N, C-alpha and C. Protein backbone atom coordinates (compact mmCIF):
# COMPACT_ATOMS: atom_id res chain seq x y z
N ILE A 1 0.78 -1.29 -0.04
CA ILE A 1 0.00 -0.03 -0.03
C ILE A 1 0.78 1.33 -0.05
N LEU A 2 1.96 1.27 0.87
CA LEU A 2 2.79 2.37 0.84
C LEU A 2 3.61 2.67 -0.49
N ARG A 3 3.87 1.59 -1.10
CA ARG A 3 4.59 1.68 -2.43
C ARG A 3 3.66 2.23 -3.58
N LEU A 4 2.35 1.87 -3.28
CA LEU A 4 1.43 2.45 -4.30
C LEU A 4 1.18 3.91 -4.01
N VAL A 5 1.00 4.33 -2.75
CA VAL A 5 0.67 5.67 -2.54
C VAL A 5 1.95 6.56 -2.71
N ARG A 6 3.12 6.10 -2.47
CA ARG A 6 4.36 6.78 -2.91
C ARG A 6 4.51 7.03 -4.37
N ARG A 7 4.15 6.13 -5.13
CA ARG A 7 4.09 6.20 -6.55
C ARG A 7 3.15 7.27 -7.16
N GLN A 8 2.05 7.43 -6.53
CA GLN A 8 1.02 8.41 -6.72
C GLN A 8 1.19 9.79 -6.09
N ALA A 9 2.25 9.87 -5.28
CA ALA A 9 2.21 11.06 -4.39
C ALA A 9 2.59 12.30 -5.06
N SER A 10 2.98 12.30 -6.38
CA SER A 10 3.28 13.59 -7.13
C SER A 10 1.88 14.10 -7.53
N THR A 11 0.90 13.33 -7.57
CA THR A 11 -0.36 13.90 -7.89
C THR A 11 -1.41 13.97 -7.01
N VAL A 12 -1.37 13.01 -5.84
CA VAL A 12 -2.45 12.64 -5.04
C VAL A 12 -1.84 12.86 -3.57
N ARG A 13 -2.84 13.53 -2.68
CA ARG A 13 -2.62 13.41 -1.30
C ARG A 13 -3.55 12.53 -0.61
N CYS A 14 -3.15 11.82 0.58
CA CYS A 14 -4.02 11.00 1.01
C CYS A 14 -4.19 11.27 2.57
N PHE A 15 -5.53 11.50 2.75
CA PHE A 15 -6.05 11.87 4.12
C PHE A 15 -6.89 10.68 4.65
N SER A 16 -6.32 10.00 5.69
CA SER A 16 -6.91 8.79 6.04
C SER A 16 -7.54 8.96 7.65
N PHE A 17 -8.37 7.96 7.93
CA PHE A 17 -9.15 8.12 9.07
C PHE A 17 -8.79 6.65 9.90
N GLY A 18 -8.46 6.61 11.02
CA GLY A 18 -8.46 5.49 11.90
C GLY A 18 -9.66 5.42 12.84
N MET A 19 -10.32 4.51 12.86
CA MET A 19 -11.46 4.42 13.81
C MET A 19 -11.33 3.31 14.86
N GLY A 20 -11.24 3.76 16.19
CA GLY A 20 -11.19 2.65 17.07
C GLY A 20 -9.63 2.35 17.56
N PRO A 21 -9.60 1.83 18.56
CA PRO A 21 -8.30 1.33 19.19
C PRO A 21 -7.38 0.40 18.15
N ARG A 22 -8.01 -0.25 17.37
CA ARG A 22 -7.20 -1.27 16.45
C ARG A 22 -6.83 -0.89 15.16
N ALA A 23 -7.04 0.68 14.81
CA ALA A 23 -6.73 1.11 13.65
C ALA A 23 -5.10 0.94 13.53
N CYS A 24 -4.69 0.68 12.38
CA CYS A 24 -3.16 0.60 12.20
C CYS A 24 -2.65 2.09 12.05
N ARG A 25 -2.09 2.60 13.29
CA ARG A 25 -1.55 3.94 13.05
C ARG A 25 -0.13 4.01 12.34
N ARG A 26 0.68 2.97 12.26
CA ARG A 26 1.80 3.09 11.49
C ARG A 26 1.37 2.98 9.94
N LEU A 27 0.56 2.33 9.50
CA LEU A 27 0.10 2.39 8.13
C LEU A 27 -0.54 3.67 7.71
N LEU A 28 -1.55 3.97 8.54
CA LEU A 28 -2.18 5.33 8.15
C LEU A 28 -1.26 6.63 8.19
N LYS A 29 -0.38 6.66 9.23
CA LYS A 29 0.53 7.72 9.24
C LYS A 29 1.53 7.67 8.12
N GLY A 30 1.89 6.39 7.85
CA GLY A 30 2.76 6.28 6.58
C GLY A 30 2.23 6.83 5.31
N MET A 31 1.01 6.38 5.10
CA MET A 31 0.42 6.78 3.89
C MET A 31 0.16 8.41 3.88
N ALA A 32 -0.11 8.82 4.92
CA ALA A 32 -0.23 10.47 5.09
C ALA A 32 1.22 11.06 4.84
N LYS A 33 1.99 10.57 5.27
CA LYS A 33 3.51 11.03 5.32
C LYS A 33 4.01 10.87 3.92
N VAL A 34 3.86 9.90 3.16
CA VAL A 34 4.55 9.71 1.72
C VAL A 34 3.67 10.54 0.75
N SER A 35 2.44 10.97 1.02
CA SER A 35 1.62 11.66 0.07
C SER A 35 1.43 13.00 0.48
N ARG A 36 1.93 13.40 1.61
CA ARG A 36 1.75 14.84 1.91
C ARG A 36 0.38 15.16 2.51
N GLY A 37 -0.34 14.24 3.06
CA GLY A 37 -1.70 14.28 3.45
C GLY A 37 -1.43 14.31 4.99
N ARG A 38 -2.75 13.99 5.57
CA ARG A 38 -2.83 13.88 7.10
C ARG A 38 -3.60 12.54 7.51
N ALA A 39 -3.24 11.99 8.64
CA ALA A 39 -4.06 11.11 9.35
C ALA A 39 -4.54 11.46 10.63
N GLU A 40 -5.84 11.08 10.56
CA GLU A 40 -6.70 11.45 11.90
C GLU A 40 -7.16 10.19 12.57
N PHE A 41 -7.22 10.16 13.77
CA PHE A 41 -7.61 8.95 14.68
C PHE A 41 -8.77 9.37 15.56
N LEU A 42 -9.69 8.34 15.54
CA LEU A 42 -10.98 8.67 16.36
C LEU A 42 -11.04 7.62 17.43
N SER A 43 -11.35 8.03 18.53
CA SER A 43 -11.69 7.10 19.59
C SER A 43 -13.41 6.71 19.45
N PRO A 44 -13.72 5.49 20.02
CA PRO A 44 -15.08 5.13 19.84
C PRO A 44 -16.08 6.23 20.45
N ALA A 45 -15.71 7.24 21.31
CA ALA A 45 -16.67 8.22 21.71
C ALA A 45 -16.67 9.49 20.95
N GLU A 46 -15.80 9.57 19.98
CA GLU A 46 -15.76 10.80 19.19
C GLU A 46 -16.55 10.65 17.86
N ARG A 47 -16.91 12.00 17.58
CA ARG A 47 -17.64 12.00 16.26
C ARG A 47 -16.78 12.23 15.02
N LEU A 48 -17.00 11.62 13.93
CA LEU A 48 -16.21 11.65 12.68
C LEU A 48 -16.38 13.01 11.94
N GLN A 49 -17.55 13.65 12.16
CA GLN A 49 -17.88 14.87 11.30
C GLN A 49 -16.82 15.95 11.58
N PRO A 50 -16.42 16.34 12.67
CA PRO A 50 -15.44 17.41 12.85
C PRO A 50 -14.28 17.15 12.21
N LYS A 51 -13.64 15.86 12.39
CA LYS A 51 -12.30 15.54 11.80
C LYS A 51 -12.38 15.42 10.25
N LEU A 52 -13.61 15.02 9.83
CA LEU A 52 -13.77 14.83 8.48
C LEU A 52 -13.76 16.30 7.82
N ILE A 53 -14.45 17.25 8.48
CA ILE A 53 -14.27 18.73 7.92
C ILE A 53 -12.97 19.14 7.92
N LYS A 54 -12.23 18.85 9.01
CA LYS A 54 -10.94 19.48 9.16
C LYS A 54 -9.98 18.82 8.03
N SER A 55 -10.25 17.64 7.68
CA SER A 55 -9.49 17.06 6.71
C SER A 55 -9.88 17.48 5.34
N LEU A 56 -11.09 17.70 5.13
CA LEU A 56 -11.61 18.34 3.78
C LEU A 56 -11.01 19.73 3.65
N LYS A 57 -10.89 20.49 4.69
CA LYS A 57 -10.47 21.74 4.59
C LYS A 57 -8.97 21.81 4.09
N LYS A 58 -8.28 21.00 4.78
CA LYS A 58 -6.75 20.74 4.30
C LYS A 58 -6.53 20.17 2.95
N ALA A 59 -7.51 19.30 2.49
CA ALA A 59 -7.49 18.65 1.25
C ALA A 59 -7.57 19.81 -0.03
N ILE A 60 -8.18 20.87 0.25
CA ILE A 60 -8.44 21.77 -0.77
C ILE A 60 -7.69 22.84 -0.77
N GLU A 61 -6.80 22.96 0.36
CA GLU A 61 -5.81 24.12 0.47
C GLU A 61 -4.45 23.59 -0.19
N PRO A 62 -3.56 24.45 -0.88
CA PRO A 62 -2.26 24.09 -1.16
C PRO A 62 -1.44 23.67 0.11
N ALA A 63 -0.51 22.87 -0.20
CA ALA A 63 0.62 22.58 0.80
C ALA A 63 1.78 22.84 0.47
N VAL A 64 2.78 23.31 1.37
CA VAL A 64 4.17 23.43 0.97
C VAL A 64 4.76 22.20 1.54
N SER A 65 5.49 21.65 0.35
CA SER A 65 6.28 20.35 0.66
C SER A 65 7.74 20.67 0.24
N ASP A 66 8.49 19.55 0.31
CA ASP A 66 10.00 19.58 0.11
C ASP A 66 10.67 20.81 0.63
N ILE A 67 10.46 20.95 2.06
CA ILE A 67 11.03 21.91 2.82
C ILE A 67 12.54 21.49 3.12
N THR A 68 13.36 22.49 3.05
CA THR A 68 14.86 22.11 3.49
C THR A 68 15.18 23.37 4.23
N ILE A 69 16.10 22.99 5.29
CA ILE A 69 16.48 24.06 6.16
C ILE A 69 18.08 24.11 6.19
N ASP A 70 18.51 25.10 5.90
CA ASP A 70 20.07 25.08 5.69
C ASP A 70 20.71 25.99 6.92
N TRP A 71 21.61 25.21 7.63
CA TRP A 71 22.20 25.87 8.75
C TRP A 71 23.58 26.32 8.27
N TYR A 72 23.95 27.42 8.45
CA TYR A 72 25.36 27.90 8.22
C TYR A 72 26.10 27.99 9.49
N VAL A 73 27.03 26.98 9.61
CA VAL A 73 27.93 26.83 10.98
C VAL A 73 29.30 26.88 10.37
N PRO A 74 30.27 27.12 11.39
CA PRO A 74 31.51 27.05 11.02
C PRO A 74 31.99 25.84 10.57
N ASP A 75 33.13 25.71 9.59
CA ASP A 75 33.76 24.40 9.26
C ASP A 75 33.90 23.34 10.33
N SER A 76 34.18 23.82 11.41
CA SER A 76 34.55 22.95 12.54
C SER A 76 33.40 22.30 13.13
N MET A 77 32.25 22.65 12.90
CA MET A 77 30.95 22.31 13.61
C MET A 77 29.93 21.49 12.57
N GLU A 78 29.15 20.82 13.03
CA GLU A 78 28.10 20.00 12.28
C GLU A 78 26.80 20.30 13.01
N ALA A 79 25.87 20.45 12.11
CA ALA A 79 24.51 20.42 12.64
C ALA A 79 23.62 19.38 12.37
N LEU A 80 22.92 18.80 13.64
CA LEU A 80 22.07 17.69 13.54
C LEU A 80 20.74 18.31 13.70
N LEU A 81 19.82 18.24 12.53
CA LEU A 81 18.41 18.79 12.71
C LEU A 81 17.38 17.73 13.07
N SER A 82 16.42 18.37 13.92
CA SER A 82 15.56 17.49 14.47
C SER A 82 14.01 18.16 14.07
N PRO A 83 13.07 17.49 13.48
CA PRO A 83 12.99 16.45 12.90
C PRO A 83 13.92 16.33 11.61
N THR A 84 14.42 15.09 11.34
CA THR A 84 15.19 14.89 10.18
C THR A 84 14.36 14.99 8.83
N GLU A 85 13.01 14.79 8.88
CA GLU A 85 12.25 14.74 7.72
C GLU A 85 11.21 15.81 8.17
N LEU A 86 10.90 16.86 7.32
CA LEU A 86 9.82 17.76 7.49
C LEU A 86 8.52 17.61 6.82
N PRO A 87 7.52 17.58 7.54
CA PRO A 87 6.15 17.31 6.98
C PRO A 87 5.74 18.28 5.96
N ALA A 88 4.79 18.15 5.20
CA ALA A 88 4.03 19.20 4.35
C ALA A 88 3.42 20.14 5.41
N LEU A 89 3.46 21.37 5.08
CA LEU A 89 2.82 22.51 5.88
C LEU A 89 1.45 23.24 5.01
N TYR A 90 0.51 23.19 5.96
CA TYR A 90 -0.74 23.82 5.43
C TYR A 90 -0.88 25.12 5.99
N PRO A 91 -1.76 26.06 5.40
CA PRO A 91 -2.01 27.33 5.95
C PRO A 91 -2.35 27.30 7.28
N GLY A 92 -1.66 27.96 8.19
CA GLY A 92 -1.93 28.00 9.71
C GLY A 92 -1.24 27.04 10.44
N ASP A 93 -0.46 26.24 9.74
CA ASP A 93 0.53 25.29 10.56
C ASP A 93 1.81 25.88 10.81
N ARG A 94 2.40 25.27 12.01
CA ARG A 94 3.73 25.78 12.52
C ARG A 94 4.52 24.78 12.31
N LEU A 95 5.92 25.05 11.97
CA LEU A 95 6.93 24.06 11.96
C LEU A 95 7.94 24.54 12.97
N VAL A 96 8.03 23.73 13.95
CA VAL A 96 9.16 23.90 15.06
C VAL A 96 10.25 22.86 14.80
N SER A 97 11.51 23.55 14.67
CA SER A 97 12.57 22.44 14.29
C SER A 97 13.74 22.96 15.32
N TYR A 98 14.59 21.82 15.74
CA TYR A 98 15.62 22.25 16.50
C TYR A 98 17.05 21.79 15.68
N CYS A 99 18.14 22.31 16.19
CA CYS A 99 19.41 21.86 15.57
C CYS A 99 20.31 21.68 16.77
N VAL A 100 21.00 20.51 16.78
CA VAL A 100 22.22 20.36 17.64
C VAL A 100 23.46 20.60 17.01
N LEU A 101 24.16 21.28 17.60
CA LEU A 101 25.55 21.68 17.09
C LEU A 101 26.56 20.74 17.82
N TYR A 102 27.39 20.22 17.11
CA TYR A 102 28.64 19.68 17.74
C TYR A 102 29.95 19.64 17.03
N SER A 103 31.00 19.67 17.65
CA SER A 103 32.28 19.93 16.99
C SER A 103 32.75 18.63 16.41
N ILE A 104 33.34 18.71 15.18
CA ILE A 104 33.90 17.63 14.40
C ILE A 104 35.40 17.62 14.33
N ASP A 105 36.22 18.60 15.05
CA ASP A 105 37.43 18.71 15.16
C ASP A 105 38.30 17.22 15.33
N ARG A 106 37.60 16.73 16.44
CA ARG A 106 38.50 15.37 17.01
C ARG A 106 38.12 14.32 16.01
N PHE A 107 37.30 14.32 15.11
CA PHE A 107 36.92 13.40 13.90
C PHE A 107 37.67 13.39 12.80
N ARG A 108 38.08 14.62 12.45
CA ARG A 108 38.96 14.93 11.33
C ARG A 108 40.22 14.26 11.27
N ASN A 109 40.87 14.28 12.45
CA ASN A 109 42.18 13.55 12.53
C ASN A 109 42.26 11.97 12.28
N ARG A 110 41.03 11.45 12.46
CA ARG A 110 40.93 10.07 12.46
C ARG A 110 40.54 9.78 10.97
């Protein structure tokens, strides 16, 4: 399934819904991630309509994807970005990213 969604990802975004405690979160999140969509999960007590409307609004909005962040650091430093893969962003979304800087001087000699 993920391979099929990944092949179609240039033209299709997948918005998936997991209902109940047995929904496969890994599969649904994976489908959303490779297609720049979103996954929503509902507990038995929740109503589907609010999450469906939220996803429909996202589906008709443009998304910013293929985001890269360049950190300009001295040659003796390396930057480790977190998260390593950035999700698609929709209007109103926020991106919070962190960078850990570490020295690579002691590795150069080896």
